[in-house]
């Protein structure tokens, strides 16, 4: 961490998912007080049990962050317990199997946009006022390379949601920099999580074990978060691309 020895508080959205789990462990090891958010209370409890001595101090907040009323109550509960939120990590997200515009159902479009964009907005909407008051904060969006380059493997709905989530993160950083709030968008390439299991059987969409081992692992994203958190408040990284070495990006 930086030379700021004050204990930091972190609210992690999607904490029990593949990325969220690794990020939770990383921030716990850095000494952060944690509020862990996810839909499944059982998965949050399992994650808490992995944190050792830090587990009992972590706050579990089962919540569907696509629901604005639930999100408001969740953030209020986190602030009541932690008093402040220094770090917000938006690590939740989803995709559907039928992704081409020929097969994509309108309901699935709504689900993807809600989970990947509206959820991030809902949490930010209720967290930002407190960060403005304290004059400090770091907000991280786990976006995707699909948020820079739309592609047919991830599909139109996912790409659209990630482009929008990325724009949200960039706008936060530009609007709030005068208040000491930093916002970082991480454009991640393929990461070995269960999200890959939802891929359809299409050319370029296959994912064998050898491929899974050669792409990014959740720990690499967690290490990236550690780096961002360790920076002093005067240092701001608005956007960051991380990709598997084997893949081209141009």
C-alpha atoms as a PDB file:
ATOM      1  CA  UNK A   1       0.000   0.000   0.000  1.00  0.00           C
ATOM      2  CA  UNK A   2       1.010   3.635  -0.001  1.00  0.00           C
ATOM      3  CA  UNK A   3       2.522   5.463   2.955  1.00  0.00           C
ATOM      4  CA  UNK A   4      -1.063   6.209   3.997  1.00  0.00           C
ATOM      5  CA  UNK A   5      -1.404   3.793   6.912  1.00  0.00           C
ATOM      6  CA  UNK A   6      -5.082   4.511   7.522  1.00  0.00           C
ATOM      7  CA  UNK A   7      -7.184   1.369   7.197  1.00  0.00           C
ATOM      8  CA  UNK A   8      -9.087   1.507   3.937  1.00  0.00           C
ATOM      9  CA  UNK A   9     -12.596   0.323   3.334  1.00  0.00           C
ATOM     10  CA  UNK A  10     -13.630  -1.435   0.135  1.00  0.00           C
ATOM     11  CA  UNK A  11     -17.032  -2.290  -1.301  1.00  0.00           C
ATOM     12  CA  UNK A  12     -16.713  -5.142  -3.808  1.00  0.00           C
ATOM     13  CA  UNK A  13     -19.612  -5.814  -6.163  1.00  0.00           C
ATOM     14  CA  UNK A  14     -19.657  -9.357  -7.531  1.00  0.00           C
ATOM     15  CA  UNK A  15     -17.391 -10.464  -4.696  1.00  0.00           C
ATOM     16  CA  UNK A  16     -18.265 -14.154  -4.879  1.00  0.00           C
ATOM     17  CA  UNK A  17     -17.592 -14.483  -8.640  1.00  0.00           C
ATOM     18  CA  UNK A  18     -14.304 -15.609 -10.129  1.00  0.00           C
ATOM     19  CA  UNK A  19     -12.796 -12.121 -10.395  1.00  0.00           C
ATOM     20  CA  UNK A  20     -14.442 -10.803  -7.252  1.00  0.00           C
ATOM     21  CA  UNK A  21     -13.112 -13.674  -5.177  1.00  0.00           C
ATOM     22  CA  UNK A  22      -9.510 -13.029  -6.205  1.00  0.00           C
ATOM     23  CA  UNK A  23      -9.922  -9.278  -5.672  1.00  0.00           C
ATOM     24  CA  UNK A  24     -11.423  -9.879  -2.229  1.00  0.00           C
ATOM     25  CA  UNK A  25      -8.414 -11.934  -1.158  1.00  0.00           C
ATOM     26  CA  UNK A  26      -6.008  -9.322  -2.542  1.00  0.00           C
ATOM     27  CA  UNK A  27      -7.628  -6.402  -0.716  1.00  0.00           C
ATOM     28  CA  UNK A  28      -7.960  -8.433   2.468  1.00  0.00           C
ATOM     29  CA  UNK A  29      -4.217  -9.115   2.344  1.00  0.00           C
ATOM     30  CA  UNK A  30      -3.664  -5.360   1.985  1.00  0.00           C
ATOM     31  CA  UNK A  31      -5.508  -4.816   5.264  1.00  0.00           C
ATOM     32  CA  UNK A  32      -8.698  -3.327   3.850  1.00  0.00           C
ATOM     33  CA  UNK A  33     -11.977  -3.563   5.713  1.00  0.00           C
ATOM     34  CA  UNK A  34     -14.341  -5.284   3.313  1.00  0.00           C
ATOM     35  CA  UNK A  35     -18.010  -5.154   2.387  1.00  0.00           C
ATOM     36  CA  UNK A  36     -18.772  -8.069   0.078  1.00  0.00           C
ATOM     37  CA  UNK A  37     -21.753  -7.895  -2.264  1.00  0.00           C
ATOM     38  CA  UNK A  38     -23.361 -10.649  -4.315  1.00  0.00           C
ATOM     39  CA  UNK A  39     -26.729 -12.220  -4.969  1.00  0.00           C
ATOM     40  CA  UNK A  40     -25.997 -15.557  -3.294  1.00  0.00           C
ATOM     41  CA  UNK A  41     -25.650 -15.349   0.491  1.00  0.00           C
ATOM     42  CA  UNK A  42     -24.229 -18.888   0.642  1.00  0.00           C
ATOM     43  CA  UNK A  43     -21.404 -18.034  -1.757  1.00  0.00           C
ATOM     44  CA  UNK A  44     -20.582 -14.906   0.256  1.00  0.00           C
ATOM     45  CA  UNK A  45     -20.403 -16.970   3.433  1.00  0.00           C
ATOM     46  CA  UNK A  46     -18.094 -19.451   1.712  1.00  0.00           C
ATOM     47  CA  UNK A  47     -15.842 -16.584   0.614  1.00  0.00           C
ATOM     48  CA  UNK A  48     -15.842 -15.137   4.123  1.00  0.00           C
ATOM     49  CA  UNK A  49     -14.649 -18.464   5.523  1.00  0.00           C
ATOM     50  CA  UNK A  50     -11.632 -18.344   3.176  1.00  0.00           C
ATOM     51  CA  UNK A  51     -10.386 -15.040   4.609  1.00  0.00           C
ATOM     52  CA  UNK A  52      -9.094 -16.460   7.876  1.00  0.00           C
ATOM     53  CA  UNK A  53      -8.880 -13.947  10.705  1.00  0.00           C
ATOM     54  CA  UNK A  54     -10.150 -11.188   8.436  1.00  0.00           C
ATOM     55  CA  UNK A  55     -13.313 -13.147   7.643  1.00  0.00           C
ATOM     56  CA  UNK A  56     -15.355 -12.277  10.723  1.00  0.00           C
ATOM     57  CA  UNK A  57     -14.579  -8.581  10.206  1.00  0.00           C
ATOM     58  CA  UNK A  58     -15.902  -8.574   6.634  1.00  0.00           C
ATOM     59  CA  UNK A  59     -19.449  -7.420   6.037  1.00  0.00           C
ATOM     60  CA  UNK A  60     -21.673  -9.654   3.907  1.00  0.00           C
ATOM     61  CA  UNK A  61     -24.322  -7.838   1.892  1.00  0.00           C
ATOM     62  CA  UNK A  62     -26.503 -10.107  -0.260  1.00  0.00           C
ATOM     63  CA  UNK A  63     -28.036  -7.813  -2.864  1.00  0.00           C
ATOM     64  CA  UNK A  64     -29.290  -7.699  -6.435  1.00  0.00           C
ATOM     65  CA  UNK A  65     -27.577  -4.513  -7.574  1.00  0.00           C
ATOM     66  CA  UNK A  66     -29.743  -4.307 -10.674  1.00  0.00           C
ATOM     67  CA  UNK A  67     -32.515  -3.361  -8.214  1.00  0.00           C
ATOM     68  CA  UNK A  68     -32.057   0.302  -7.290  1.00  0.00           C
ATOM     69  CA  UNK A  69     -34.013   0.144  -4.029  1.00  0.00           C
ATOM     70  CA  UNK A  70     -32.026  -2.886  -2.845  1.00  0.00           C
ATOM     71  CA  UNK A  71     -28.794  -1.158  -3.838  1.00  0.00           C
ATOM     72  CA  UNK A  72     -29.660   1.979  -1.870  1.00  0.00           C
ATOM     73  CA  UNK A  73     -30.372  -0.060   1.255  1.00  0.00           C
ATOM     74  CA  UNK A  74     -27.169  -2.064   0.767  1.00  0.00           C
ATOM     75  CA  UNK A  75     -24.956   1.025   0.471  1.00  0.00           C
ATOM     76  CA  UNK A  76     -26.624   2.564   3.529  1.00  0.00           C
ATOM     77  CA  UNK A  77     -25.890  -0.611   5.490  1.00  0.00           C
ATOM     78  CA  UNK A  78     -22.268  -0.601   4.320  1.00  0.00           C
ATOM     79  CA  UNK A  79     -21.821   3.028   5.377  1.00  0.00           C
ATOM     80  CA  UNK A  80     -23.449   2.382   8.744  1.00  0.00           C
ATOM     81  CA  UNK A  81     -20.937  -0.378   9.419  1.00  0.00           C
ATOM     82  CA  UNK A  82     -17.793   0.972   7.722  1.00  0.00           C
ATOM     83  CA  UNK A  83     -18.511   4.717   8.169  1.00  0.00           C
ATOM     84  CA  UNK A  84     -16.981   5.442   4.754  1.00  0.00           C
ATOM     85  CA  UNK A  85     -16.228   3.744   1.439  1.00  0.00           C
ATOM     86  CA  UNK A  86     -12.737   4.426   0.133  1.00  0.00           C
ATOM     87  CA  UNK A  87     -12.642   1.887  -2.694  1.00  0.00           C
ATOM     88  CA  UNK A  88     -15.470   0.673  -4.922  1.00  0.00           C
ATOM     89  CA  UNK A  89     -14.843  -2.302  -7.203  1.00  0.00           C
ATOM     90  CA  UNK A  90     -17.502  -3.090  -9.822  1.00  0.00           C
ATOM     91  CA  UNK A  91     -16.641  -6.684 -10.724  1.00  0.00           C
ATOM     92  CA  UNK A  92     -20.042  -8.175 -11.493  1.00  0.00           C
ATOM     93  CA  UNK A  93     -21.155  -9.026 -15.013  1.00  0.00           C
ATOM     94  CA  UNK A  94     -22.782 -11.606 -17.231  1.00  0.00           C
ATOM     95  CA  UNK A  95     -23.411 -12.694 -20.787  1.00  0.00           C
ATOM     96  CA  UNK A  96     -25.882 -14.985 -22.505  1.00  0.00           C
ATOM     97  CA  UNK A  97     -25.342 -17.964 -24.774  1.00  0.00           C
ATOM     98  CA  UNK A  98     -27.377 -16.749 -27.767  1.00  0.00           C
ATOM     99  CA  UNK A  99     -25.447 -13.606 -28.732  1.00  0.00           C
ATOM    100  CA  UNK A 100     -25.888 -12.913 -32.425  1.00  0.00           C
ATOM    101  CA  UNK A 101     -28.540 -10.380 -33.369  1.00  0.00           C
ATOM    102  CA  UNK A 102     -30.292 -13.152 -35.279  1.00  0.00           C
ATOM    103  CA  UNK A 103     -30.827 -15.183 -32.112  1.00  0.00           C
ATOM    104  CA  UNK A 104     -30.635 -12.635 -29.278  1.00  0.00           C
ATOM    105  CA  UNK A 105     -33.939 -12.298 -27.434  1.00  0.00           C
ATOM    106  CA  UNK A 106     -35.021  -8.825 -26.322  1.00  0.00           C
ATOM    107  CA  UNK A 107     -35.253 -10.097 -22.750  1.00  0.00           C
ATOM    108  CA  UNK A 108     -31.626 -11.260 -22.881  1.00  0.00           C
ATOM    109  CA  UNK A 109     -30.536  -7.859 -24.206  1.00  0.00           C
ATOM    110  CA  UNK A 110     -32.236  -6.287 -21.180  1.00  0.00           C
ATOM    111  CA  UNK A 111     -30.579  -8.759 -18.797  1.00  0.00           C
ATOM    112  CA  UNK A 112     -27.074  -8.065 -20.103  1.00  0.00           C
ATOM    113  CA  UNK A 113     -27.488  -4.284 -20.114  1.00  0.00           C
ATOM    114  CA  UNK A 114     -28.981  -4.391 -16.617  1.00  0.00           C
ATOM    115  CA  UNK A 115     -26.263  -6.633 -15.140  1.00  0.00           C
ATOM    116  CA  UNK A 116     -23.282  -4.946 -16.791  1.00  0.00           C
ATOM    117  CA  UNK A 117     -24.324  -1.297 -16.938  1.00  0.00           C
ATOM    118  CA  UNK A 118     -27.319  -0.498 -14.744  1.00  0.00           C
ATOM    119  CA  UNK A 119     -25.839  -2.395 -11.800  1.00  0.00           C
ATOM    120  CA  UNK A 120     -22.642  -0.338 -11.979  1.00  0.00           C
ATOM    121  CA  UNK A 121     -24.602   2.903 -12.249  1.00  0.00           C
ATOM    122  CA  UNK A 122     -26.862   2.008  -9.316  1.00  0.00           C
ATOM    123  CA  UNK A 123     -23.946   1.389  -6.965  1.00  0.00           C
ATOM    124  CA  UNK A 124     -22.016   4.445  -8.126  1.00  0.00           C
ATOM    125  CA  UNK A 125     -25.107   6.621  -7.756  1.00  0.00           C
ATOM    126  CA  UNK A 126     -25.329   5.847  -4.042  1.00  0.00           C
ATOM    127  CA  UNK A 127     -21.586   5.662  -3.263  1.00  0.00           C
ATOM    128  CA  UNK A 128     -20.390   8.849  -4.971  1.00  0.00           C
ATOM    129  CA  UNK A 129     -22.049  11.353  -2.591  1.00  0.00           C
ATOM    130  CA  UNK A 130     -20.075   9.961   0.351  1.00  0.00           C
ATOM    131  CA  UNK A 131     -16.816  10.062  -1.594  1.00  0.00           C
ATOM    132  CA  UNK A 132     -17.504  13.680  -2.505  1.00  0.00           C
ATOM    133  CA  UNK A 133     -18.054  14.534   1.143  1.00  0.00           C
ATOM    134  CA  UNK A 134     -14.835  12.852   2.273  1.00  0.00           C
ATOM    135  CA  UNK A 135     -12.883  14.287  -0.697  1.00  0.00           C
ATOM    136  CA  UNK A 136     -11.335  10.941  -1.565  1.00  0.00           C
ATOM    137  CA  UNK A 137     -12.134   7.677  -3.308  1.00  0.00           C
ATOM    138  CA  UNK A 138     -11.159   5.131  -5.932  1.00  0.00           C
ATOM    139  CA  UNK A 139     -13.756   3.564  -8.242  1.00  0.00           C
ATOM    140  CA  UNK A 140     -12.747   0.691 -10.517  1.00  0.00           C
ATOM    141  CA  UNK A 141     -14.828  -0.715 -13.368  1.00  0.00           C
ATOM    142  CA  UNK A 142     -13.893  -4.184 -14.593  1.00  0.00           C
ATOM    143  CA  UNK A 143     -14.784  -3.681 -18.231  1.00  0.00           C
ATOM    144  CA  UNK A 144     -13.572  -5.681 -21.215  1.00  0.00           C
ATOM    145  CA  UNK A 145     -11.685  -5.361 -24.472  1.00  0.00           C
ATOM    146  CA  UNK A 146     -15.201  -5.687 -25.896  1.00  0.00           C
ATOM    147  CA  UNK A 147     -15.692  -2.213 -24.452  1.00  0.00           C
ATOM    148  CA  UNK A 148     -13.095  -0.892 -26.902  1.00  0.00           C
ATOM    149  CA  UNK A 149     -13.489  -3.228 -29.872  1.00  0.00           C
ATOM    150  CA  UNK A 150     -16.948  -4.671 -30.438  1.00  0.00           C
ATOM    151  CA  UNK A 151     -16.810  -8.270 -31.605  1.00  0.00           C
ATOM    152  CA  UNK A 152     -19.114 -11.117 -32.550  1.00  0.00           C
ATOM    153  CA  UNK A 153     -17.706 -13.594 -30.015  1.00  0.00           C
ATOM    154  CA  UNK A 154     -18.908 -11.592 -27.028  1.00  0.00           C
ATOM    155  CA  UNK A 155     -21.932 -10.340 -28.969  1.00  0.00           C
ATOM    156  CA  UNK A 156     -23.755  -7.055 -29.495  1.00  0.00           C
ATOM    157  CA  UNK A 157     -25.422  -6.857 -26.084  1.00  0.00           C
ATOM    158  CA  UNK A 158     -22.226  -7.495 -24.121  1.00  0.00           C
ATOM    159  CA  UNK A 159     -20.153  -5.147 -26.274  1.00  0.00           C
ATOM    160  CA  UNK A 160     -22.758  -2.396 -26.012  1.00  0.00           C
ATOM    161  CA  UNK A 161     -22.966  -2.784 -22.239  1.00  0.00           C
ATOM    162  CA  UNK A 162     -19.183  -2.680 -21.846  1.00  0.00           C
ATOM    163  CA  UNK A 163     -18.766   0.344 -24.122  1.00  0.00           C
ATOM    164  CA  UNK A 164     -21.335   2.136 -21.952  1.00  0.00           C
ATOM    165  CA  UNK A 165     -19.803   0.977 -18.668  1.00  0.00           C
ATOM    166  CA  UNK A 166     -16.405   2.189 -19.857  1.00  0.00           C
ATOM    167  CA  UNK A 167     -17.852   5.595 -20.779  1.00  0.00           C
ATOM    168  CA  UNK A 168     -19.435   5.800 -17.340  1.00  0.00           C
ATOM    169  CA  UNK A 169     -16.097   5.159 -15.674  1.00  0.00           C
ATOM    170  CA  UNK A 170     -14.236   7.699 -17.821  1.00  0.00           C
ATOM    171  CA  UNK A 171     -16.880  10.371 -17.181  1.00  0.00           C
ATOM    172  CA  UNK A 172     -16.652   9.811 -13.416  1.00  0.00           C
ATOM    173  CA  UNK A 173     -12.909  10.429 -13.488  1.00  0.00           C
ATOM    174  CA  UNK A 174     -13.236  13.607 -15.539  1.00  0.00           C
ATOM    175  CA  UNK A 175     -16.103  15.039 -13.496  1.00  0.00           C
ATOM    176  CA  UNK A 176     -14.813  14.156 -10.041  1.00  0.00           C
ATOM    177  CA  UNK A 177     -11.049  14.728 -10.274  1.00  0.00           C
ATOM    178  CA  UNK A 178     -11.393  18.097  -8.550  1.00  0.00           C
ATOM    179  CA  UNK A 179     -12.928  16.338  -5.550  1.00  0.00           C
ATOM    180  CA  UNK A 180     -10.091  13.854  -5.073  1.00  0.00           C
ATOM    181  CA  UNK A 181     -12.009  10.954  -6.619  1.00  0.00           C
ATOM    182  CA  UNK A 182     -10.197   8.685  -9.077  1.00  0.00           C
ATOM    183  CA  UNK A 183     -11.939   6.367 -11.522  1.00  0.00           C
ATOM    184  CA  UNK A 184     -10.219   3.590 -13.441  1.00  0.00           C
ATOM    185  CA  UNK A 185     -11.617   1.457 -16.239  1.00  0.00           C
ATOM    186  CA  UNK A 186      -9.835  -1.881 -16.683  1.00  0.00           C
ATOM    187  CA  UNK A 187     -10.218  -3.285 -20.188  1.00  0.00           C
ATOM    188  CA  UNK A 188      -9.591  -6.980 -19.598  1.00  0.00           C
ATOM    189  CA  UNK A 189      -9.033  -9.541 -22.295  1.00  0.00           C
ATOM    190  CA  UNK A 190     -10.102 -13.146 -21.856  1.00  0.00           C
ATOM    191  CA  UNK A 191     -10.049 -14.202 -18.211  1.00  0.00           C
ATOM    192  CA  UNK A 192     -10.449 -17.777 -17.033  1.00  0.00           C
ATOM    193  CA  UNK A 193     -13.785 -17.537 -15.213  1.00  0.00           C
ATOM    194  CA  UNK A 194     -17.167 -19.229 -15.468  1.00  0.00           C
ATOM    195  CA  UNK A 195     -18.294 -16.435 -17.803  1.00  0.00           C
ATOM    196  CA  UNK A 196     -16.547 -18.382 -20.574  1.00  0.00           C
ATOM    197  CA  UNK A 197     -18.914 -21.302 -20.001  1.00  0.00           C
ATOM    198  CA  UNK A 198     -21.774 -19.280 -21.502  1.00  0.00           C
ATOM    199  CA  UNK A 199     -20.115 -19.060 -24.912  1.00  0.00           C
ATOM    200  CA  UNK A 200     -22.039 -20.519 -27.797  1.00  0.00           C
ATOM    201  CA  UNK A 201     -20.589 -23.096 -30.150  1.00  0.00           C
ATOM    202  CA  UNK A 202     -19.371 -20.746 -32.871  1.00  0.00           C
ATOM    203  CA  UNK A 203     -16.107 -20.332 -34.793  1.00  0.00           C
ATOM    204  CA  UNK A 204     -13.601 -18.609 -32.532  1.00  0.00           C
ATOM    205  CA  UNK A 205     -15.689 -19.255 -29.452  1.00  0.00           C
ATOM    206  CA  UNK A 206     -14.189 -22.582 -28.403  1.00  0.00           C
ATOM    207  CA  UNK A 207     -12.375 -22.775 -25.066  1.00  0.00           C
ATOM    208  CA  UNK A 208     -10.339 -25.905 -24.320  1.00  0.00           C
ATOM    209  CA  UNK A 209      -8.225 -26.455 -21.209  1.00  0.00           C
ATOM    210  CA  UNK A 210      -4.997 -25.450 -22.938  1.00  0.00           C
ATOM    211  CA  UNK A 211      -6.537 -22.161 -23.984  1.00  0.00           C
ATOM    212  CA  UNK A 212      -7.889 -21.560 -20.483  1.00  0.00           C
ATOM    213  CA  UNK A 213      -4.412 -21.940 -19.019  1.00  0.00           C
ATOM    214  CA  UNK A 214      -2.854 -19.501 -21.505  1.00  0.00           C
ATOM    215  CA  UNK A 215      -5.306 -16.617 -21.003  1.00  0.00           C
ATOM    216  CA  UNK A 216      -5.532 -14.245 -18.041  1.00  0.00           C
ATOM    217  CA  UNK A 217      -6.284 -15.728 -14.641  1.00  0.00           C
ATOM    218  CA  UNK A 218      -8.352 -13.970 -11.934  1.00  0.00           C
ATOM    219  CA  UNK A 219      -5.189 -13.428  -9.897  1.00  0.00           C
ATOM    220  CA  UNK A 220      -3.739 -11.181 -12.607  1.00  0.00           C
ATOM    221  CA  UNK A 221      -6.780  -8.914 -12.373  1.00  0.00           C
ATOM    222  CA  UNK A 222      -6.492  -8.938  -8.580  1.00  0.00           C
ATOM    223  CA  UNK A 223      -2.816  -7.958  -8.843  1.00  0.00           C
ATOM    224  CA  UNK A 224      -3.837  -5.083 -11.122  1.00  0.00           C
ATOM    225  CA  UNK A 225      -6.296  -3.895  -8.478  1.00  0.00           C
ATOM    226  CA  UNK A 226      -3.567  -4.102  -5.831  1.00  0.00           C
ATOM    227  CA  UNK A 227      -1.401  -1.862  -7.995  1.00  0.00           C
ATOM    228  CA  UNK A 228      -4.165   0.727  -8.394  1.00  0.00           C
ATOM    229  CA  UNK A 229      -4.931   0.743  -4.677  1.00  0.00           C
ATOM    230  CA  UNK A 230      -1.240   1.104  -3.814  1.00  0.00           C
ATOM    231  CA  UNK A 231      -0.846   4.321  -5.816  1.00  0.00           C
ATOM    232  CA  UNK A 232      -0.799   7.644  -3.937  1.00  0.00           C
ATOM    233  CA  UNK A 233      -3.886   9.874  -4.328  1.00  0.00           C
ATOM    234  CA  UNK A 234      -2.008  12.193  -6.703  1.00  0.00           C
ATOM    235  CA  UNK A 235      -1.583   9.377  -9.256  1.00  0.00           C
ATOM    236  CA  UNK A 236      -4.551   8.542 -11.462  1.00  0.00           C
ATOM    237  CA  UNK A 237      -4.784   5.873 -14.157  1.00  0.00           C
ATOM    238  CA  UNK A 238      -8.027   6.554 -16.046  1.00  0.00           C
ATOM    239  CA  UNK A 239      -7.840   3.526 -18.355  1.00  0.00           C
ATOM    240  CA  UNK A 240      -5.790   0.352 -18.312  1.00  0.00           C
ATOM    241  CA  UNK A 241      -5.633  -2.514 -20.845  1.00  0.00           C
ATOM    242  CA  UNK A 242      -4.586  -5.990 -19.712  1.00  0.00           C
ATOM    243  CA  UNK A 243      -4.695  -8.911 -22.136  1.00  0.00           C
ATOM    244  CA  UNK A 244      -3.294 -12.394 -22.634  1.00  0.00           C
ATOM    245  CA  UNK A 245       0.137 -12.306 -24.243  1.00  0.00           C
ATOM    246  CA  UNK A 246      -1.010 -14.785 -26.902  1.00  0.00           C
ATOM    247  CA  UNK A 247      -3.712 -12.476 -28.261  1.00  0.00           C
ATOM    248  CA  UNK A 248      -3.337  -9.582 -30.660  1.00  0.00           C
ATOM    249  CA  UNK A 249      -4.886  -6.215 -29.873  1.00  0.00           C
ATOM    250  CA  UNK A 250      -4.759  -3.483 -32.462  1.00  0.00           C
END
